[in-house]
PDB file of N, CA and C in Angstrom:
ATOM      1  N   MET A   1      26.336  -8.905  26.734  1.00  0.00           N
ATOM      2  CA  MET A   1      26.534  -9.485  25.459  1.00  0.00           C
ATOM      3  C   MET A   1      26.468 -11.028  25.587  1.00  0.00           C
ATOM      4  N   ALA A   2      25.877 -11.757  24.733  1.00  0.00           N
ATOM      5  CA  ALA A   2      25.671 -13.116  24.880  1.00  0.00           C
ATOM      6  C   ALA A   2      27.040 -13.800  24.684  1.00  0.00           C
ATOM      7  N   GLU A   3      27.224 -14.938  25.219  1.00  0.00           N
ATOM      8  CA  GLU A   3      28.499 -15.679  25.117  1.00  0.00           C
ATOM      9  C   GLU A   3      28.714 -16.200  23.600  1.00  0.00           C
ATOM     10  N   LYS A   4      29.913 -15.876  23.102  1.00  0.00           N
ATOM     11  CA  LYS A   4      30.329 -16.278  21.824  1.00  0.00           C
ATOM     12  C   LYS A   4      30.606 -17.760  21.753  1.00  0.00           C
ATOM     13  N   LEU A   5      30.207 -18.382  20.606  1.00  0.00           N
ATOM     14  CA  LEU A   5      30.636 -19.839  20.405  1.00  0.00           C
ATOM     15  C   LEU A   5      32.045 -19.772  19.930  1.00  0.00           C
ATOM     16  N   ALA A   6      32.915 -20.668  20.398  1.00  0.00           N
ATOM     17  CA  ALA A   6      34.238 -20.687  19.842  1.00  0.00           C
ATOM     18  C   ALA A   6      34.375 -21.176  18.425  1.00  0.00           C
ATOM     19  N   PRO A   7      35.308 -20.850  17.612  1.00  0.00           N
ATOM     20  CA  PRO A   7      36.277 -19.787  18.006  1.00  0.00           C
ATOM     21  C   PRO A   7      35.584 -18.301  17.915  1.00  0.00           C
ATOM     22  N   GLU A   8      36.243 -17.471  18.638  1.00  0.00           N
ATOM     23  CA  GLU A   8      35.659 -16.020  18.746  1.00  0.00           C
ATOM     24  C   GLU A   8      36.145 -15.308  17.387  1.00  0.00           C
ATOM     25  N   LYS A   9      35.593 -15.532  16.398  1.00  0.00           N
ATOM     26  CA  LYS A   9      35.916 -14.830  15.122  1.00  0.00           C
ATOM     27  C   LYS A   9      34.791 -14.992  14.148  1.00  0.00           C
ATOM     28  N   ARG A  10      34.893 -14.178  13.157  1.00  0.00           N
ATOM     29  CA  ARG A  10      33.900 -14.369  11.952  1.00  0.00           C
ATOM     30  C   ARG A  10      34.284 -15.625  11.101  1.00  0.00           C
ATOM     31  N   HIS A  11      33.357 -16.358  10.652  1.00  0.00           N
ATOM     32  CA  HIS A  11      33.541 -17.429   9.734  1.00  0.00           C
ATOM     33  C   HIS A  11      33.296 -16.933   8.388  1.00  0.00           C
ATOM     34  N   THR A  12      33.913 -17.513   7.322  1.00  0.00           N
ATOM     35  CA  THR A  12      33.694 -16.987   6.057  1.00  0.00           C
ATOM     36  C   THR A  12      33.026 -18.334   5.141  1.00  0.00           C
ATOM     37  N   PHE A  13      32.009 -17.955   4.411  1.00  0.00           N
ATOM     38  CA  PHE A  13      31.417 -18.910   3.438  1.00  0.00           C
ATOM     39  C   PHE A  13      31.963 -18.547   2.000  1.00  0.00           C
ATOM     40  N   VAL A  14      32.664 -19.398   1.502  1.00  0.00           N
ATOM     41  CA  VAL A  14      33.312 -19.131   0.046  1.00  0.00           C
ATOM     42  C   VAL A  14      32.619 -20.219  -0.864  1.00  0.00           C
ATOM     43  N   HIS A  15      32.267 -19.648  -2.015  1.00  0.00           N
ATOM     44  CA  HIS A  15      31.736 -20.529  -3.135  1.00  0.00           C
ATOM     45  C   HIS A  15      32.479 -20.201  -4.324  1.00  0.00           C
ATOM     46  N   ASN A  16      33.022 -21.174  -5.019  1.00  0.00           N
ATOM     47  CA  ASN A  16      33.816 -21.081  -6.297  1.00  0.00           C
ATOM     48  C   ASN A  16      34.864 -19.998  -6.125  1.00  0.00           C
ATOM     49  N   GLY A  17      35.624 -20.064  -5.046  1.00  0.00           N
ATOM     50  CA  GLY A  17      36.692 -19.181  -4.684  1.00  0.00           C
ATOM     51  C   GLY A  17      36.279 -17.756  -4.328  1.00  0.00           C
ATOM     52  N   GLN A  18      35.000 -17.389  -4.227  1.00  0.00           N
ATOM     53  CA  GLN A  18      34.484 -16.117  -3.936  1.00  0.00           C
ATOM     54  C   GLN A  18      33.753 -16.010  -2.553  1.00  0.00           C
ATOM     55  N   LYS A  19      34.175 -15.087  -1.789  1.00  0.00           N
ATOM     56  CA  LYS A  19      33.609 -14.883  -0.424  1.00  0.00           C
ATOM     57  C   LYS A  19      32.066 -14.406  -0.753  1.00  0.00           C
ATOM     58  N   VAL A  20      31.162 -15.213  -0.221  1.00  0.00           N
ATOM     59  CA  VAL A  20      29.710 -14.911  -0.304  1.00  0.00           C
ATOM     60  C   VAL A  20      29.222 -14.028   0.938  1.00  0.00           C
ATOM     61  N   PHE A  21      29.624 -14.476   2.123  1.00  0.00           N
ATOM     62  CA  PHE A  21      29.248 -13.832   3.280  1.00  0.00           C
ATOM     63  C   PHE A  21      30.145 -14.393   4.422  1.00  0.00           C
ATOM     64  N   GLU A  22      30.176 -13.528   5.516  1.00  0.00           N
ATOM     65  CA  GLU A  22      30.814 -13.959   6.759  1.00  0.00           C
ATOM     66  C   GLU A  22      29.722 -14.027   7.813  1.00  0.00           C
ATOM     67  N   TRP A  23      29.966 -14.631   8.891  1.00  0.00           N
ATOM     68  CA  TRP A  23      29.026 -14.830  10.046  1.00  0.00           C
ATOM     69  C   TRP A  23      29.727 -15.084  11.306  1.00  0.00           C
ATOM     70  N   ASP A  24      29.056 -14.647  12.443  1.00  0.00           N
ATOM     71  CA  ASP A  24      29.458 -15.110  13.758  1.00  0.00           C
ATOM     72  C   ASP A  24      28.186 -15.355  14.488  1.00  0.00           C
ATOM     73  N   GLN A  25      28.318 -16.017  15.641  1.00  0.00           N
ATOM     74  CA  GLN A  25      27.159 -16.319  16.359  1.00  0.00           C
ATOM     75  C   GLN A  25      27.342 -16.583  17.745  1.00  0.00           C
ATOM     76  N   THR A  26      26.329 -16.419  18.514  1.00  0.00           N
ATOM     77  CA  THR A  26      26.245 -16.832  19.983  1.00  0.00           C
ATOM     78  C   THR A  26      25.280 -17.786  20.278  1.00  0.00           C
ATOM     79  N   LEU A  27      25.037 -18.159  21.422  1.00  0.00           N
ATOM     80  CA  LEU A  27      24.026 -19.142  21.798  1.00  0.00           C
ATOM     81  C   LEU A  27      22.650 -18.702  21.390  1.00  0.00           C
ATOM     82  N   GLU A  28      22.428 -17.383  21.142  1.00  0.00           N
ATOM     83  CA  GLU A  28      21.128 -16.895  20.960  1.00  0.00           C
ATOM     84  C   GLU A  28      20.934 -16.281  19.630  1.00  0.00           C
ATOM     85  N   GLU A  29      21.997 -15.810  18.985  1.00  0.00           N
ATOM     86  CA  GLU A  29      21.829 -15.179  17.594  1.00  0.00           C
ATOM     87  C   GLU A  29      22.897 -15.478  16.707  1.00  0.00           C
ATOM     88  N   VAL A  30      22.546 -15.281  15.465  1.00  0.00           N
ATOM     89  CA  VAL A  30      23.570 -15.282  14.255  1.00  0.00           C
ATOM     90  C   VAL A  30      23.591 -14.023  13.611  1.00  0.00           C
ATOM     91  N   ASN A  31      24.732 -13.524  13.319  1.00  0.00           N
ATOM     92  CA  ASN A  31      24.953 -12.370  12.530  1.00  0.00           C
ATOM     93  C   ASN A  31      25.563 -12.681  11.219  1.00  0.00           C
ATOM     94  N   MET A  32      25.053 -12.227  10.000  1.00  0.00           N
ATOM     95  CA  MET A  32      25.693 -12.417   8.759  1.00  0.00           C
ATOM     96  C   MET A  32      26.194 -11.117   8.219  1.00  0.00           C
ATOM     97  N   TYR A  33      27.310 -11.087   7.636  1.00  0.00           N
ATOM     98  CA  TYR A  33      27.962  -9.805   7.138  1.00  0.00           C
ATOM     99  C   TYR A  33      28.066 -10.112   5.596  1.00  0.00           C
ATOM    100  N   ILE A  34      27.470  -9.163   4.793  1.00  0.00           N
ATOM    101  CA  ILE A  34      27.524  -9.330   3.429  1.00  0.00           C
ATOM    102  C   ILE A  34      28.056  -7.994   2.678  1.00  0.00           C
ATOM    103  N   GLU A  35      29.063  -8.103   1.882  1.00  0.00           N
ATOM    104  CA  GLU A  35      29.653  -6.944   1.271  1.00  0.00           C
ATOM    105  C   GLU A  35      28.817  -6.785  -0.083  1.00  0.00           C
ATOM    106  N   LEU A  36      28.290  -5.627  -0.289  1.00  0.00           N
ATOM    107  CA  LEU A  36      27.583  -5.317  -1.535  1.00  0.00           C
ATOM    108  C   LEU A  36      28.655  -5.104  -2.641  1.00  0.00           C
ATOM    109  N   PRO A  37      28.351  -5.459  -3.854  1.00  0.00           N
ATOM    110  CA  PRO A  37      29.336  -5.253  -4.948  1.00  0.00           C
ATOM    111  C   PRO A  37      29.566  -3.721  -5.148  1.00  0.00           C
ATOM    112  N   LYS A  38      30.653  -3.423  -5.594  1.00  0.00           N
ATOM    113  CA  LYS A  38      31.053  -2.032  -5.754  1.00  0.00           C
ATOM    114  C   LYS A  38      30.006  -1.371  -6.769  1.00  0.00           C
ATOM    115  N   GLY A  39      29.631  -0.217  -6.603  1.00  0.00           N
ATOM    116  CA  GLY A  39      28.689   0.549  -7.543  1.00  0.00           C
ATOM    117  C   GLY A  39      27.302   0.091  -7.529  1.00  0.00           C
ATOM    118  N   VAL A  40      26.937  -0.805  -6.648  1.00  0.00           N
ATOM    119  CA  VAL A  40      25.549  -1.194  -6.512  1.00  0.00           C
ATOM    120  C   VAL A  40      24.764  -0.229  -5.401  1.00  0.00           C
ATOM    121  N   PRO A  41      23.862   0.482  -5.748  1.00  0.00           N
ATOM    122  CA  PRO A  41      23.234   1.350  -4.620  1.00  0.00           C
ATOM    123  C   PRO A  41      22.585   0.531  -3.606  1.00  0.00           C
ATOM    124  N   THR A  42      22.703   0.959  -2.410  1.00  0.00           N
ATOM    125  CA  THR A  42      22.079   0.164  -1.167  1.00  0.00           C
ATOM    126  C   THR A  42      20.597  -0.016  -1.344  1.00  0.00           C
ATOM    127  N   LYS A  43      19.932   0.951  -2.004  1.00  0.00           N
ATOM    128  CA  LYS A  43      18.427   0.715  -2.166  1.00  0.00           C
ATOM    129  C   LYS A  43      18.087  -0.445  -3.057  1.00  0.00           C
ATOM    130  N   LEU A  44      19.056  -1.092  -3.755  1.00  0.00           N
ATOM    131  CA  LEU A  44      18.732  -2.103  -4.586  1.00  0.00           C
ATOM    132  C   LEU A  44      18.946  -3.531  -3.834  1.00  0.00           C
ATOM    133  N   PHE A  45      19.638  -3.402  -2.673  1.00  0.00           N
ATOM    134  CA  PHE A  45      19.780  -4.694  -1.879  1.00  0.00           C
ATOM    135  C   PHE A  45      18.466  -5.182  -1.354  1.00  0.00           C
ATOM    136  N   ARG A  46      18.335  -6.381  -1.421  1.00  0.00           N
ATOM    137  CA  ARG A  46      17.105  -7.137  -0.978  1.00  0.00           C
ATOM    138  C   ARG A  46      17.519  -8.206   0.027  1.00  0.00           C
ATOM    139  N   CYS A  47      16.767  -8.392   1.132  1.00  0.00           N
ATOM    140  CA  CYS A  47      16.949  -9.453   2.120  1.00  0.00           C
ATOM    141  C   CYS A  47      15.626  -9.885   2.571  1.00  0.00           C
ATOM    142  N   THR A  48      15.223 -11.173   2.502  1.00  0.00           N
ATOM    143  CA  THR A  48      14.042 -11.729   2.951  1.00  0.00           C
ATOM    144  C   THR A  48      14.390 -12.885   4.018  1.00  0.00           C
ATOM    145  N   ILE A  49      13.772 -12.648   5.143  1.00  0.00           N
ATOM    146  CA  ILE A  49      14.088 -13.577   6.247  1.00  0.00           C
ATOM    147  C   ILE A  49      12.702 -14.266   6.633  1.00  0.00           C
ATOM    148  N   LYS A  50      12.664 -15.595   6.379  1.00  0.00           N
ATOM    149  CA  LYS A  50      11.414 -16.355   6.753  1.00  0.00           C
ATOM    150  C   LYS A  50      11.813 -17.289   7.845  1.00  0.00           C
ATOM    151  N   ALA A  51      10.979 -18.039   8.430  1.00  0.00           N
ATOM    152  CA  ALA A  51      11.124 -18.918   9.485  1.00  0.00           C
ATOM    153  C   ALA A  51      12.263 -20.033   9.194  1.00  0.00           C
ATOM    154  N   SER A  52      12.078 -20.515   7.945  1.00  0.00           N
ATOM    155  CA  SER A  52      12.999 -21.647   7.508  1.00  0.00           C
ATOM    156  C   SER A  52      13.778 -21.228   6.165  1.00  0.00           C
ATOM    157  N   HIS A  53      13.897 -19.981   5.778  1.00  0.00           N
ATOM    158  CA  HIS A  53      14.428 -19.682   4.409  1.00  0.00           C
ATOM    159  C   HIS A  53      15.092 -18.290   4.547  1.00  0.00           C
ATOM    160  N   VAL A  54      16.110 -18.038   3.920  1.00  0.00           N
ATOM    161  CA  VAL A  54      16.702 -16.679   3.738  1.00  0.00           C
ATOM    162  C   VAL A  54      17.084 -16.476   2.256  1.00  0.00           C
ATOM    163  N   GLU A  55      16.792 -15.239   1.739  1.00  0.00           N
ATOM    164  CA  GLU A  55      17.137 -14.882   0.370  1.00  0.00           C
ATOM    165  C   GLU A  55      17.843 -13.573   0.587  1.00  0.00           C
ATOM    166  N   VAL A  56      19.044 -13.418  -0.326  1.00  0.00           N
ATOM    167  CA  VAL A  56      19.713 -12.175  -0.333  1.00  0.00           C
ATOM    168  C   VAL A  56      20.164 -11.827  -1.732  1.00  0.00           C
ATOM    169  N   GLY A  57      19.942 -10.664  -2.222  1.00  0.00           N
ATOM    170  CA  GLY A  57      20.323 -10.322  -3.545  1.00  0.00           C
ATOM    171  C   GLY A  57      20.074  -8.934  -3.917  1.00  0.00           C
ATOM    172  N   ILE A  58      20.282  -8.688  -5.263  1.00  0.00           N
ATOM    173  CA  ILE A  58      20.100  -7.351  -5.734  1.00  0.00           C
ATOM    174  C   ILE A  58      18.885  -7.292  -6.482  1.00  0.00           C
ATOM    175  N   CYS A  59      17.948  -6.331  -6.348  1.00  0.00           N
ATOM    176  CA  CYS A  59      16.737  -6.250  -7.077  1.00  0.00           C
ATOM    177  C   CYS A  59      16.937  -6.335  -8.519  1.00  0.00           C
ATOM    178  N   GLY A  60      15.951  -7.223  -9.177  1.00  0.00           N
ATOM    179  CA  GLY A  60      16.087  -7.365 -10.594  1.00  0.00           C
ATOM    180  C   GLY A  60      16.948  -8.545 -11.018  1.00  0.00           C
ATOM    181  N   ASN A  61      17.610  -9.250 -10.049  1.00  0.00           N
ATOM    182  CA  ASN A  61      18.430 -10.205 -10.364  1.00  0.00           C
ATOM    183  C   ASN A  61      18.015 -11.449  -9.489  1.00  0.00           C
ATOM    184  N   PRO A  62      18.382 -12.710  -9.813  1.00  0.00           N
ATOM    185  CA  PRO A  62      18.194 -13.926  -8.958  1.00  0.00           C
ATOM    186  C   PRO A  62      18.909 -13.723  -7.687  1.00  0.00           C
ATOM    187  N   PRO A  63      18.385 -14.045  -6.594  1.00  0.00           N
ATOM    188  CA  PRO A  63      19.165 -13.965  -5.257  1.00  0.00           C
ATOM    189  C   PRO A  63      20.448 -14.723  -5.392  1.00  0.00           C
ATOM    190  N   TYR A  64      21.558 -14.215  -4.824  1.00  0.00           N
ATOM    191  CA  TYR A  64      22.751 -14.992  -4.775  1.00  0.00           C
ATOM    192  C   TYR A  64      22.923 -15.760  -3.537  1.00  0.00           C
ATOM    193  N   LEU A  65      22.000 -15.555  -2.442  1.00  0.00           N
ATOM    194  CA  LEU A  65      21.921 -16.434  -1.389  1.00  0.00           C
ATOM    195  C   LEU A  65      20.399 -16.796  -1.304  1.00  0.00           C
ATOM    196  N   ASN A  66      20.097 -18.100  -1.443  1.00  0.00           N
ATOM    197  CA  ASN A  66      18.759 -18.522  -1.488  1.00  0.00           C
ATOM    198  C   ASN A  66      18.858 -19.877  -0.826  1.00  0.00           C
ATOM    199  N   HIS A  67      18.689 -19.889   0.521  1.00  0.00           N
ATOM    200  CA  HIS A  67      18.962 -21.019   1.181  1.00  0.00           C
ATOM    201  C   HIS A  67      17.978 -21.407   2.339  1.00  0.00           C
ATOM    202  N   ASP A  68      17.594 -22.806   2.389  1.00  0.00           N
ATOM    203  CA  ASP A  68      16.732 -23.203   3.440  1.00  0.00           C
ATOM    204  C   ASP A  68      17.585 -23.226   4.708  1.00  0.00           C
ATOM    205  N   LEU A  69      17.040 -22.940   5.878  1.00  0.00           N
ATOM    206  CA  LEU A  69      17.722 -22.928   7.117  1.00  0.00           C
ATOM    207  C   LEU A  69      17.541 -24.323   7.822  1.00  0.00           C
ATOM    208  N   THR A  70      18.577 -24.707   8.458  1.00  0.00           N
ATOM    209  CA  THR A  70      18.542 -25.935   9.269  1.00  0.00           C
ATOM    210  C   THR A  70      17.606 -25.998  10.474  1.00  0.00           C
ATOM    211  N   HIS A  71      17.459 -24.876  11.107  1.00  0.00           N
ATOM    212  CA  HIS A  71      16.585 -24.613  12.161  1.00  0.00           C
ATOM    213  C   HIS A  71      15.815 -23.402  12.016  1.00  0.00           C
ATOM    214  N   PRO A  72      14.554 -23.409  12.469  1.00  0.00           N
ATOM    215  CA  PRO A  72      13.727 -22.146  12.213  1.00  0.00           C
ATOM    216  C   PRO A  72      14.179 -20.926  13.132  1.00  0.00           C
ATOM    217  N   VAL A  73      14.016 -19.770  12.560  1.00  0.00           N
ATOM    218  CA  VAL A  73      14.325 -18.566  13.076  1.00  0.00           C
ATOM    219  C   VAL A  73      13.115 -17.819  13.568  1.00  0.00           C
ATOM    220  N   LYS A  74      13.333 -16.927  14.612  1.00  0.00           N
ATOM    221  CA  LYS A  74      12.153 -16.138  15.067  1.00  0.00           C
ATOM    222  C   LYS A  74      12.093 -14.964  14.196  1.00  0.00           C
ATOM    223  N   THR A  75      11.211 -14.939  13.260  1.00  0.00           N
ATOM    224  CA  THR A  75      11.069 -13.828  12.277  1.00  0.00           C
ATOM    225  C   THR A  75      10.730 -12.531  12.901  1.00  0.00           C
ATOM    226  N   ASP A  76       9.999 -12.599  14.074  1.00  0.00           N
ATOM    227  CA  ASP A  76       9.537 -11.307  14.642  1.00  0.00           C
ATOM    228  C   ASP A  76      10.670 -10.567  15.322  1.00  0.00           C
ATOM    229  N   SER A  77      11.819 -11.230  15.570  1.00  0.00           N
ATOM    230  CA  SER A  77      13.039 -10.590  16.194  1.00  0.00           C
ATOM    231  C   SER A  77      14.116 -10.651  15.195  1.00  0.00           C
ATOM    232  N   SER A  78      13.879 -10.971  13.842  1.00  0.00           N
ATOM    233  CA  SER A  78      14.925 -10.871  12.894  1.00  0.00           C
ATOM    234  C   SER A  78      14.962  -9.687  12.235  1.00  0.00           C
ATOM    235  N   PHE A  79      16.109  -9.171  11.874  1.00  0.00           N
ATOM    236  CA  PHE A  79      16.082  -7.949  11.021  1.00  0.00           C
ATOM    237  C   PHE A  79      17.357  -7.781  10.215  1.00  0.00           C
ATOM    238  N   TRP A  80      17.517  -6.922   9.296  1.00  0.00           N
ATOM    239  CA  TRP A  80      18.715  -6.636   8.501  1.00  0.00           C
ATOM    240  C   TRP A  80      19.018  -5.126   8.464  1.00  0.00           C
ATOM    241  N   THR A  81      20.121  -4.751   8.412  1.00  0.00           N
ATOM    242  CA  THR A  81      20.504  -3.324   8.255  1.00  0.00           C
ATOM    243  C   THR A  81      21.717  -3.195   7.242  1.00  0.00           C
ATOM    244  N   ILE A  82      21.931  -2.048   6.717  1.00  0.00           N
ATOM    245  CA  ILE A  82      23.028  -1.687   5.879  1.00  0.00           C
ATOM    246  C   ILE A  82      23.912  -0.756   6.595  1.00  0.00           C
ATOM    247  N   GLY A  83      25.124  -1.223   6.757  1.00  0.00           N
ATOM    248  CA  GLY A  83      26.151  -0.347   7.467  1.00  0.00           C
ATOM    249  C   GLY A  83      27.166   0.223   6.503  1.00  0.00           C
ATOM    250  N   LEU A  84      27.522   1.337   6.579  1.00  0.00           N
ATOM    251  CA  LEU A  84      28.653   1.953   5.812  1.00  0.00           C
ATOM    252  C   LEU A  84      29.977   1.635   6.475  1.00  0.00           C
ATOM    253  N   ILE A  85      30.959   1.364   5.515  1.00  0.00           N
ATOM    254  CA  ILE A  85      32.291   1.150   6.060  1.00  0.00           C
ATOM    255  C   ILE A  85      33.182   2.316   5.895  1.00  0.00           C
ATOM    256  N   ASP A  86      33.873   2.743   6.939  1.00  0.00           N
ATOM    257  CA  ASP A  86      34.712   3.819   6.815  1.00  0.00           C
ATOM    258  C   ASP A  86      35.976   3.211   5.994  1.00  0.00           C
ATOM    259  N   GLU A  87      36.244   3.743   4.919  1.00  0.00           N
ATOM    260  CA  GLU A  87      37.513   3.147   4.185  1.00  0.00           C
ATOM    261  C   GLU A  87      38.755   3.266   4.893  1.00  0.00           C
ATOM    262  N   SER A  88      38.882   4.255   5.818  1.00  0.00           N
ATOM    263  CA  SER A  88      40.018   4.321   6.685  1.00  0.00           C
ATOM    264  C   SER A  88      40.275   3.190   7.564  1.00  0.00           C
ATOM    265  N   ASP A  89      39.162   2.465   7.877  1.00  0.00           N
ATOM    266  CA  ASP A  89      39.270   1.247   8.650  1.00  0.00           C
ATOM    267  C   ASP A  89      39.692   0.035   8.043  1.00  0.00           C
ATOM    268  N   CYS A  90      39.844   0.124   6.699  1.00  0.00           N
ATOM    269  CA  CYS A  90      40.106  -1.112   5.857  1.00  0.00           C
ATOM    270  C   CYS A  90      41.602  -1.168   5.533  1.00  0.00           C
ATOM    271  N   SER A  91      42.518  -0.518   6.233  1.00  0.00           N
ATOM    272  CA  SER A  91      43.947  -0.502   5.919  1.00  0.00           C
ATOM    273  C   SER A  91      44.610  -1.793   6.413  1.00  0.00           C
TER     274      SER A  91
END
């Protein structure tokens, strides 16, 4: 596993008092964690990763994350997945 940058925890991006996403990073990669709103089917989630831009949102709505990146990313090795949370882990 690549060495984590300090501090070794997830960081939170908050806008207008609402958590938008969390992230962690190593010297080689950045991981973003986005919680879908309750009741939104996973098939409606959209994520577009370009060399200098990222968009995240729900199909049929404006993206809620629409951001130019400070440094270019390697799009050929970038990907996104949807993971399900076991509610028993959230206690």
